[in-house]
Each structure stands twice: as C-alpha cells, then as structure tokens.
C-alpha cells in the first residue's frame, strides 16, 4: 500500500454549518481534485452547533485526493462583535466607539481562543483580546 503524502494545506474561513460548493470552498479545493461535496457534508455535520459563526478551517490534501480538516475557534473579531452586539467595527476606532464588552466577556472569549493564541497565560490572552476590541472601536468596561 502506498504511503499518503501531504500535497498541500488550504486555509479558508467558512460559516459554520452552512458550507456550499460555491466559493470560497469550491475554488480552494477544486484545483486539488478533492471531492467538494464530501468535504461540505462532513464540515456541515461537524460544525452544526456553530451555525452562523465564521470559523477558520485548515484542510490537508494528500496525493491520493483524500483530505483531513481541522476546525479552529472563530476569529476574535467575530466573537467580539457577537458579544458587543454590533454588526461591524468602527471605521475610526480612536474617535468612534461602536459598543462595549465586559471583562467577563473578554475572559470568556480568551478561554475560547486560548488554544489558537500564542499567549502563555489566560491574562496574556485577555490582553490580546482586549487590544483587538480597542482596535475595533469596542470599549472594555470593568
């Protein structure tokens, strides 16, 4: 039996539970000969509980056209927008504030993102998330 060799790694962001063969999934997987329908079915099944949330996924494609994928935690700005209840960040975050989040919400987001961040502790992860919030025009309150 031939050994599977990794051909490429593809990173895309897809809405959880709502992947379709249309772009960005189809255009990313098509050139590598991956069965797009099979990926879409498996991805939607695995992310059914994250419906409506954008999640990054890393797809490893092998030389026999098989694939494996890993679903990462949602991006920090997506989680911050949900927590603050805003549609998008501020165009000029120094002058315009679009919403606010509490320290408890920052801690919850930091715990969710901890495995994907390069922070050594929860306190460092909280500072990273708080900095992202400030750059989006979201105020962090006590």
C-alpha atoms as a PDB file:
ATOM      1  CA  UNK A   1       0.000   0.000   0.000  1.00  0.00           C
ATOM      2  CA  UNK A   2       1.368   3.396  -0.986  1.00  0.00           C
ATOM      3  CA  UNK A   3       2.050   5.897   1.743  1.00  0.00           C
ATOM      4  CA  UNK A   4      -0.112   9.027   1.706  1.00  0.00           C
ATOM      5  CA  UNK A   5       1.896  12.182   1.159  1.00  0.00           C
ATOM      6  CA  UNK A   6       0.731  15.647   2.030  1.00  0.00           C
ATOM      7  CA  UNK A   7       0.315  17.667  -1.166  1.00  0.00           C
ATOM      8  CA  UNK A   8      -0.918  20.968   0.226  1.00  0.00           C
ATOM      9  CA  UNK A   9      -2.578  22.690   3.149  1.00  0.00           C
ATOM     10  CA  UNK A  10      -5.502  25.019   2.470  1.00  0.00           C
ATOM     11  CA  UNK A  11      -6.873  27.605   4.906  1.00  0.00           C
ATOM     12  CA  UNK A  12     -10.367  29.049   4.401  1.00  0.00           C
ATOM     13  CA  UNK A  13     -12.975  30.754   6.556  1.00  0.00           C
ATOM     14  CA  UNK A  14     -16.465  29.307   6.222  1.00  0.00           C
ATOM     15  CA  UNK A  15     -19.736  29.932   8.056  1.00  0.00           C
ATOM     16  CA  UNK A  16     -20.336  27.023  10.429  1.00  0.00           C
ATOM     17  CA  UNK A  17     -22.948  24.523   9.264  1.00  0.00           C
ATOM     18  CA  UNK A  18     -23.551  26.435   6.023  1.00  0.00           C
ATOM     19  CA  UNK A  19     -20.701  25.446   3.689  1.00  0.00           C
ATOM     20  CA  UNK A  20     -21.590  25.114   0.000  1.00  0.00           C
ATOM     21  CA  UNK A  21     -19.600  24.034  -3.067  1.00  0.00           C
ATOM     22  CA  UNK A  22     -19.571  27.700  -4.139  1.00  0.00           C
ATOM     23  CA  UNK A  23     -16.587  29.958  -3.370  1.00  0.00           C
ATOM     24  CA  UNK A  24     -14.552  30.024  -1.179  1.00  0.00           C
ATOM     25  CA  UNK A  25     -14.750  26.243  -0.650  1.00  0.00           C
ATOM     26  CA  UNK A  26     -15.109  25.160  -4.285  1.00  0.00           C
ATOM     27  CA  UNK A  27     -12.383  27.422  -5.640  1.00  0.00           C
ATOM     28  CA  UNK A  28      -9.959  26.363  -2.907  1.00  0.00           C
ATOM     29  CA  UNK A  29     -10.491  22.595  -3.192  1.00  0.00           C
ATOM     30  CA  UNK A  30     -11.284  22.207  -6.916  1.00  0.00           C
ATOM     31  CA  UNK A  31      -7.745  22.566  -8.302  1.00  0.00           C
ATOM     32  CA  UNK A  32      -6.528  19.789  -5.975  1.00  0.00           C
ATOM     33  CA  UNK A  33      -9.112  17.224  -7.097  1.00  0.00           C
ATOM     34  CA  UNK A  34     -10.769  16.910  -3.689  1.00  0.00           C
ATOM     35  CA  UNK A  35     -14.373  15.693  -3.562  1.00  0.00           C
ATOM     36  CA  UNK A  36     -16.006  19.025  -2.673  1.00  0.00           C
ATOM     37  CA  UNK A  37     -19.406  17.519  -1.874  1.00  0.00           C
ATOM     38  CA  UNK A  38     -17.871  15.111   0.611  1.00  0.00           C
ATOM     39  CA  UNK A  39     -15.966  17.949   2.336  1.00  0.00           C
ATOM     40  CA  UNK A  40     -19.083  20.148   2.510  1.00  0.00           C
ATOM     41  CA  UNK A  41     -21.141  17.322   4.033  1.00  0.00           C
ATOM     42  CA  UNK A  42     -18.509  16.450   6.665  1.00  0.00           C
ATOM     43  CA  UNK A  43     -17.831  20.105   7.510  1.00  0.00           C
ATOM     44  CA  UNK A  44     -21.524  20.974   7.922  1.00  0.00           C
ATOM     45  CA  UNK A  45     -22.055  17.899  10.092  1.00  0.00           C
ATOM     46  CA  UNK A  46     -19.113  18.776  12.357  1.00  0.00           C
ATOM     47  CA  UNK A  47     -19.981  22.495  12.681  1.00  0.00           C
ATOM     48  CA  UNK A  48     -23.751  22.218  13.030  1.00  0.00           C
ATOM     49  CA  UNK A  49     -23.578  23.709  16.557  1.00  0.00           C
ATOM     50  CA  UNK A  50     -21.628  26.767  15.263  1.00  0.00           C
ATOM     51  CA  UNK A  51     -24.324  27.774  12.767  1.00  0.00           C
ATOM     52  CA  UNK A  52     -23.975  31.356  11.588  1.00  0.00           C
ATOM     53  CA  UNK A  53     -20.485  31.867  13.032  1.00  0.00           C
ATOM     54  CA  UNK A  54     -17.491  32.219  10.709  1.00  0.00           C
ATOM     55  CA  UNK A  55     -14.873  29.588  11.539  1.00  0.00           C
ATOM     56  CA  UNK A  56     -11.426  29.036  10.044  1.00  0.00           C
ATOM     57  CA  UNK A  57     -10.702  25.550   8.750  1.00  0.00           C
ATOM     58  CA  UNK A  58      -7.329  24.050   7.792  1.00  0.00           C
ATOM     59  CA  UNK A  59      -7.620  21.346   5.124  1.00  0.00           C
ATOM     60  CA  UNK A  60      -4.757  18.921   4.478  1.00  0.00           C
ATOM     61  CA  UNK A  61      -4.893  17.407   0.975  1.00  0.00           C
ATOM     62  CA  UNK A  62      -2.992  14.176   0.233  1.00  0.00           C
ATOM     63  CA  UNK A  63      -1.640  12.755  -3.044  1.00  0.00           C
ATOM     64  CA  UNK A  64      -4.498  10.218  -3.328  1.00  0.00           C
ATOM     65  CA  UNK A  65      -7.007  13.153  -3.246  1.00  0.00           C
ATOM     66  CA  UNK A  66      -8.122  12.318   0.271  1.00  0.00           C
ATOM     67  CA  UNK A  67      -8.285  15.070   2.868  1.00  0.00           C
ATOM     68  CA  UNK A  68      -8.448  15.818   6.560  1.00  0.00           C
ATOM     69  CA  UNK A  69      -9.579  19.059   8.118  1.00  0.00           C
ATOM     70  CA  UNK A  70      -9.289  20.800  11.465  1.00  0.00           C
ATOM     71  CA  UNK A  71     -11.844  23.390  12.554  1.00  0.00           C
ATOM     72  CA  UNK A  72     -10.294  26.218  14.573  1.00  0.00           C
ATOM     73  CA  UNK A  73     -12.036  28.540  17.023  1.00  0.00           C
ATOM     74  CA  UNK A  74     -13.837  31.542  15.500  1.00  0.00           C
ATOM     75  CA  UNK A  75     -11.736  34.687  14.899  1.00  0.00           C
ATOM     76  CA  UNK A  76     -11.573  37.105  17.854  1.00  0.00           C
ATOM     77  CA  UNK A  77     -13.268  39.979  15.957  1.00  0.00           C
ATOM     78  CA  UNK A  78     -16.259  37.737  15.162  1.00  0.00           C
ATOM     79  CA  UNK A  79     -16.630  36.766  18.836  1.00  0.00           C
ATOM     80  CA  UNK A  80     -16.205  40.395  19.944  1.00  0.00           C
ATOM     81  CA  UNK A  81     -18.871  41.622  17.514  1.00  0.00           C
ATOM     82  CA  UNK A  82     -21.281  38.979  18.843  1.00  0.00           C
ATOM     83  CA  UNK A  83     -20.515  39.886  22.474  1.00  0.00           C
ATOM     84  CA  UNK A  84     -20.921  43.630  21.853  1.00  0.00           C
ATOM     85  CA  UNK A  85     -23.980  43.141  19.655  1.00  0.00           C
ATOM     86  CA  UNK A  86     -22.617  45.198  16.753  1.00  0.00           C
ATOM     87  CA  UNK A  87     -22.586  44.492  13.014  1.00  0.00           C
ATOM     88  CA  UNK A  88     -19.062  45.777  12.359  1.00  0.00           C
ATOM     89  CA  UNK A  89     -16.172  47.592  13.978  1.00  0.00           C
ATOM     90  CA  UNK A  90     -15.620  51.352  13.863  1.00  0.00           C
ATOM     91  CA  UNK A  91     -14.094  52.979  10.796  1.00  0.00           C
ATOM     92  CA  UNK A  92     -12.029  55.223  13.063  1.00  0.00           C
ATOM     93  CA  UNK A  93     -11.682  53.451  16.432  1.00  0.00           C
ATOM     94  CA  UNK A  94      -9.905  56.414  18.081  1.00  0.00           C
ATOM     95  CA  UNK A  95     -12.877  58.751  17.599  1.00  0.00           C
ATOM     96  CA  UNK A  96     -15.855  56.405  17.183  1.00  0.00           C
ATOM     97  CA  UNK A  97     -16.905  53.755  19.682  1.00  0.00           C
ATOM     98  CA  UNK A  98     -19.444  51.233  18.400  1.00  0.00           C
ATOM     99  CA  UNK A  99     -20.109  49.169  21.525  1.00  0.00           C
ATOM    100  CA  UNK A 100     -18.725  47.787  24.753  1.00  0.00           C
ATOM    101  CA  UNK A 101     -17.867  44.446  26.336  1.00  0.00           C
ATOM    102  CA  UNK A 102     -17.262  43.496  29.960  1.00  0.00           C
ATOM    103  CA  UNK A 103     -14.185  41.927  31.499  1.00  0.00           C
ATOM    104  CA  UNK A 104     -16.151  38.701  31.951  1.00  0.00           C
ATOM    105  CA  UNK A 105     -16.951  38.609  28.215  1.00  0.00           C
ATOM    106  CA  UNK A 106     -13.264  39.245  27.386  1.00  0.00           C
ATOM    107  CA  UNK A 107     -12.278  36.360  29.685  1.00  0.00           C
ATOM    108  CA  UNK A 108     -14.832  34.030  28.073  1.00  0.00           C
ATOM    109  CA  UNK A 109     -13.547  34.898  24.571  1.00  0.00           C
ATOM    110  CA  UNK A 110      -9.941  34.431  25.743  1.00  0.00           C
ATOM    111  CA  UNK A 111     -10.800  30.953  27.096  1.00  0.00           C
ATOM    112  CA  UNK A 112     -12.448  30.061  23.776  1.00  0.00           C
ATOM    113  CA  UNK A 113      -9.451  31.284  21.756  1.00  0.00           C
ATOM    114  CA  UNK A 114      -6.710  30.061  24.147  1.00  0.00           C
ATOM    115  CA  UNK A 115      -5.609  27.029  22.109  1.00  0.00           C
ATOM    116  CA  UNK A 116      -5.246  29.136  18.929  1.00  0.00           C
ATOM    117  CA  UNK A 117      -3.436  32.079  20.554  1.00  0.00           C
ATOM    118  CA  UNK A 118       0.278  32.243  21.224  1.00  0.00           C
ATOM    119  CA  UNK A 119      -0.301  33.544  24.747  1.00  0.00           C
ATOM    120  CA  UNK A 120       1.364  31.854  27.693  1.00  0.00           C
ATOM    121  CA  UNK A 121      -1.392  32.515  30.208  1.00  0.00           C
ATOM    122  CA  UNK A 122      -5.043  33.489  30.394  1.00  0.00           C
ATOM    123  CA  UNK A 123      -4.064  37.025  31.480  1.00  0.00           C
ATOM    124  CA  UNK A 124      -1.946  37.491  28.342  1.00  0.00           C
ATOM    125  CA  UNK A 125      -4.776  36.105  26.195  1.00  0.00           C
ATOM    126  CA  UNK A 126      -7.213  38.581  27.810  1.00  0.00           C
ATOM    127  CA  UNK A 127      -4.850  41.459  26.980  1.00  0.00           C
ATOM    128  CA  UNK A 128      -4.638  40.285  23.373  1.00  0.00           C
ATOM    129  CA  UNK A 129      -8.435  40.098  23.040  1.00  0.00           C
ATOM    130  CA  UNK A 130      -8.845  43.489  24.766  1.00  0.00           C
ATOM    131  CA  UNK A 131      -6.376  45.009  22.288  1.00  0.00           C
ATOM    132  CA  UNK A 132      -8.369  43.582  19.391  1.00  0.00           C
ATOM    133  CA  UNK A 133     -11.525  45.087  20.893  1.00  0.00           C
ATOM    134  CA  UNK A 134      -9.892  48.523  21.201  1.00  0.00           C
ATOM    135  CA  UNK A 135      -8.711  48.379  17.584  1.00  0.00           C
ATOM    136  CA  UNK A 136     -12.305  47.692  16.525  1.00  0.00           C
ATOM    137  CA  UNK A 137     -13.731  50.639  18.469  1.00  0.00           C
ATOM    138  CA  UNK A 138     -15.228  48.448  21.197  1.00  0.00           C
ATOM    139  CA  UNK A 139     -14.806  49.734  24.758  1.00  0.00           C
ATOM    140  CA  UNK A 140     -13.804  47.302  27.525  1.00  0.00           C
ATOM    141  CA  UNK A 141     -15.633  48.112  30.757  1.00  0.00           C
ATOM    142  CA  UNK A 142     -14.727  46.896  34.252  1.00  0.00           C
END
